[in-house]
Protein backbone atom coordinates (compact mmCIF):
# COMPACT_ATOMS: atom_id res chain seq x y z
CA MET A 1 -0.31 -0.10 0.11
CA HIS A 2 1.07 3.38 -1.24
CA GLY A 3 1.05 6.36 1.25
CA GLU A 4 1.75 9.98 0.44
CA SER A 5 4.17 10.79 -2.18
CA ALA A 6 6.81 13.15 -0.76
CA TYR A 7 7.49 13.85 -4.52
CA GLY A 8 6.09 16.10 -6.75
CA LEU A 9 6.30 18.77 -4.48
CA TRP A 10 7.02 21.76 -7.76
CA THR A 11 6.43 24.67 -6.03
CA LEU A 12 9.08 23.43 -3.51
CA VAL A 13 11.24 23.25 -5.97
CA ILE A 14 10.76 26.65 -7.95
CA LEU A 15 10.35 28.28 -4.24
CA ASN A 16 14.08 26.66 -3.34
CA SER A 17 15.67 26.94 -6.78
CA VAL A 18 14.63 30.68 -6.51
CA ILE A 19 15.68 31.45 -3.19
CA PHE A 20 19.62 29.90 -4.00
CA ILE A 21 19.71 31.73 -7.86
CA PHE A 22 18.61 34.69 -6.00
CA PHE A 23 21.48 34.36 -3.83
CA ALA A 24 23.89 33.68 -6.16
CA PHE A 25 22.86 36.87 -8.26
CA SER A 26 23.23 39.12 -5.92
CA PHE A 27 26.53 38.06 -4.42
CA VAL A 28 27.87 37.34 -7.92
CA LYS A 29 26.59 40.53 -9.35
CA PRO A 30 27.23 39.37 -12.60
CA LYS A 31 28.62 42.03 -15.32
CA THR A 32 30.78 39.73 -17.67
CA LYS A 33 29.74 37.36 -20.41
CA SER A 34 31.82 34.97 -18.56
CA ASP A 35 29.97 35.63 -14.89
CA TRP A 36 26.15 34.84 -16.84
CA ARG A 37 27.23 31.94 -18.14
CA SER A 38 29.12 30.59 -14.48
CA LEU A 39 25.93 31.53 -13.31
CA GLY A 40 23.66 29.85 -15.40
CA ALA A 41 25.64 26.79 -14.90
CA PHE A 42 25.07 27.27 -10.77
CA SER A 43 21.47 27.63 -12.26
CA ALA A 44 20.92 24.51 -14.12
CA PHE A 45 22.87 22.37 -11.03
CA VAL A 46 19.99 24.03 -8.32
CA VAL A 47 16.92 23.28 -10.85
CA ALA A 48 18.58 19.48 -10.76
CA LEU A 49 19.43 19.06 -7.23
CA PHE A 50 15.98 20.55 -6.00
CA THR A 51 13.97 18.46 -8.63
CA GLU A 52 15.69 15.69 -7.52
CA MET A 53 15.13 16.22 -3.69
CA TYR A 54 11.60 17.72 -4.74
CA GLY A 55 10.03 16.97 -7.72
CA PHE A 56 10.55 13.53 -8.93
CA PRO A 57 14.37 11.41 -8.58
CA LEU A 58 15.28 10.23 -12.41
CA SER A 59 16.98 7.73 -10.12
CA LEU A 60 13.39 6.60 -8.72
CA TYR A 61 12.71 6.73 -12.43
CA PHE A 62 15.67 4.78 -14.07
CA PHE A 63 15.43 2.01 -11.56
CA SER A 64 12.25 1.71 -10.72
CA GLY A 65 11.69 -1.69 -12.16
CA TRP A 66 14.81 -2.85 -10.72
CA LEU A 67 13.69 -1.38 -7.16
CA ALA A 68 10.37 -2.87 -7.69
CA GLU A 69 11.38 -6.53 -8.16
CA ARG A 70 14.04 -6.41 -5.38
CA TYR A 71 12.30 -4.37 -3.05
CA PRO A 72 8.63 -5.40 -4.03
CA ASP A 73 7.23 -3.71 -0.48
CA ILE A 74 9.23 -1.14 -0.04
CA ASP A 75 7.43 2.85 -0.84
CA PHE A 76 10.24 4.73 -2.80
CA LEU A 77 8.02 7.50 -3.40
CA ALA A 78 7.86 7.71 0.62
CA HIS A 79 10.28 10.66 2.17
CA ASN A 80 12.47 8.06 4.12
CA ASN A 81 12.88 5.98 1.07
CA GLY A 82 14.33 8.30 -1.22
CA HIS A 83 17.68 7.67 0.38
CA LEU A 84 17.94 4.75 -1.98
CA LEU A 85 21.75 3.83 -0.73
CA HIS A 86 19.96 3.73 3.03
CA THR A 87 18.07 1.03 1.82
CA ILE A 88 20.04 -0.68 -0.88
CA LEU A 89 22.61 -1.23 2.00
CA GLY A 90 20.72 -2.93 4.36
CA PHE A 91 20.59 0.52 6.98
CA GLU A 92 17.53 0.12 9.41
CA GLY A 93 15.89 3.07 10.66
CA ASP A 94 15.89 7.25 10.32
CA PRO A 95 17.97 7.55 7.31
CA HIS A 96 18.70 10.72 8.43
CA TRP A 97 20.84 9.12 11.68
CA ASP A 98 22.78 6.15 9.39
CA PRO A 99 26.47 6.77 9.09
CA LEU A 100 26.19 7.72 5.23
CA HIS A 101 24.17 10.73 6.40
CA ILE A 102 26.24 11.39 9.52
CA ALA A 103 29.28 11.51 7.84
CA SER A 104 28.27 13.77 4.73
CA ASN A 105 26.80 16.36 7.26
CA ILE A 106 30.26 15.64 9.15
CA LEU A 107 32.13 16.39 5.66
CA ILE A 108 29.48 19.40 4.64
CA VAL A 109 30.62 21.18 8.03
CA LEU A 110 33.84 20.66 8.17
CA GLY A 111 33.83 21.96 4.23
CA PHE A 112 32.07 25.35 5.73
CA PHE A 113 34.76 25.29 8.66
CA TYR A 114 37.66 25.01 5.64
CA PHE A 115 36.42 27.85 3.37
CA ARG A 116 35.41 30.33 5.80
CA ARG A 117 39.27 30.03 7.24
CA ARG A 118 40.37 29.99 3.91
CA GLY A 119 38.24 32.56 2.67
CA ALA A 120 39.39 34.96 5.56
CA SER A 121 42.98 34.09 5.16
CA CYS A 122 43.53 34.26 1.61
CA THR A 123 41.78 38.06 2.17
CA GLY A 124 42.92 39.12 5.43
CA HIS A 125 39.72 40.86 6.37
CA ASN A 126 36.66 38.88 5.09
CA LYS A 127 36.07 37.76 9.11
CA GLN A 128 32.20 38.66 8.84
CA ALA A 129 31.63 36.37 5.43
CA PRO A 130 28.31 35.40 5.10
CA TRP A 131 27.65 31.71 6.32
CA PRO A 132 26.37 29.54 4.07
CA VAL A 133 22.95 27.79 5.13
CA ARG A 134 21.99 23.66 4.12
CA VAL A 135 18.92 23.18 2.88
CA GLY A 136 18.24 20.15 1.33
CA THR A 137 18.81 16.54 3.00
CA ARG A 138 18.34 14.23 0.29
CA ALA A 139 21.21 12.04 -1.36
CA ALA A 140 22.21 13.31 -5.01
CA GLY A 141 21.50 11.67 -8.07
CA ILE A 142 21.90 10.87 -11.52
CA PRO A 143 21.54 14.61 -11.90
CA THR A 144 23.66 15.32 -9.75
CA LEU A 145 26.68 13.26 -10.93
CA VAL A 146 25.56 13.91 -14.60
CA LEU A 147 26.28 17.42 -13.94
CA PHE A 148 28.95 17.20 -11.89
CA PRO A 149 31.64 16.73 -14.52
CA VAL A 150 29.87 19.47 -16.95
CA LEU A 151 30.29 21.78 -13.95
CA ALA A 152 33.83 20.68 -13.34
CA VAL A 153 35.05 21.34 -16.68
CA VAL A 154 32.61 24.92 -16.69
CA TYR A 155 34.65 25.97 -13.44
CA MET A 156 38.08 24.89 -14.37
CA ARG A 157 37.91 26.94 -18.01
CA LEU A 158 36.49 29.63 -16.48
CA ALA A 159 38.73 29.68 -13.76
CA LYS A 160 41.77 30.09 -16.33
CA ARG A 161 39.80 32.87 -18.05
CA GLU A 162 39.93 34.59 -14.53
CA GLU A 163 43.56 33.40 -13.56
CA GLN A 164 44.04 35.52 -17.07
CA VAL A 165 42.49 38.54 -16.29
CA ALA A 166 44.09 38.58 -12.81
CA LEU A 167 47.43 37.94 -13.98
CA LYS A 168 46.51 41.24 -16.89
CA GLU A 169 45.18 43.58 -13.26
CA PHE A 170 47.74 42.45 -10.67
CA GLY A 171 50.76 41.50 -11.97
CA ASP A 172 53.66 39.95 -10.06
CA ILE A 173 51.04 40.41 -6.74
CA TYR A 174 48.90 37.37 -8.45
CA ARG A 175 52.18 35.25 -9.57
CA ARG A 176 53.36 35.55 -5.90
CA TYR A 177 49.57 34.62 -4.94
CA MET A 178 50.17 31.78 -7.58
CA GLU A 179 53.39 30.40 -6.41
CA SER A 180 51.93 30.34 -2.40
CA THR A 181 48.18 28.90 -3.53
CA PRO A 182 47.91 25.59 -5.03
CA ALA A 183 44.97 25.65 -7.88
CA TRP A 184 43.06 22.84 -7.37
CA ILE A 185 43.94 21.13 -4.26
CA PRO A 186 43.92 22.67 -1.23
CA ARG A 187 47.40 22.02 1.01
CA LEU A 188 46.01 20.26 4.55
CA THR A 189 48.38 22.42 6.70
CA THR A 190 48.72 26.57 6.29
CA ASP A 191 51.78 28.01 5.17
CA THR A 192 51.66 30.89 7.42
CA GLN A 193 55.23 32.17 6.18
CA ASN A 194 53.59 32.50 2.72
CA GLN A 195 50.06 34.36 3.87
CA THR A 196 52.28 37.39 5.01
């Protein structure tokens, strides 16, 4: 027996997408073609993410036949069962308290602290940076996985273009910054000499 579906909440998809895209727009204030492209890629990611969370997950669509055969008694349209890995890996109880969910929350919090600290140390004065807020809790699905490499390529190309702009504008200062700061993989230790 199927209960009330936790999906098909298109109002939430639209509302959350608008809030996140508006926040990104007000933070970035795009001016160049490159800025608008970047905002467009981020917006596509946000819409896909909230469609997966509240609309209808493509992972359920693609695997519905296999899931119905393998788990005939489970209503995958119920909120808790939308955490597919929780069910597939055989965890019991509330999926928000399974090891995967707890580990993801810990990584998100550590990431916030890392970027907040890194941002403050790079700018030297960013002590009052806005704190990011995490709204969704569902695991990423197929659209997110498909968009990830696309966004990675888009942002790598964008970073190269912005690097050239920064080199033109700041010259040797930016070259010194490039020598002391890794481009993609952050250092786990802070070199205080390079920050002064």
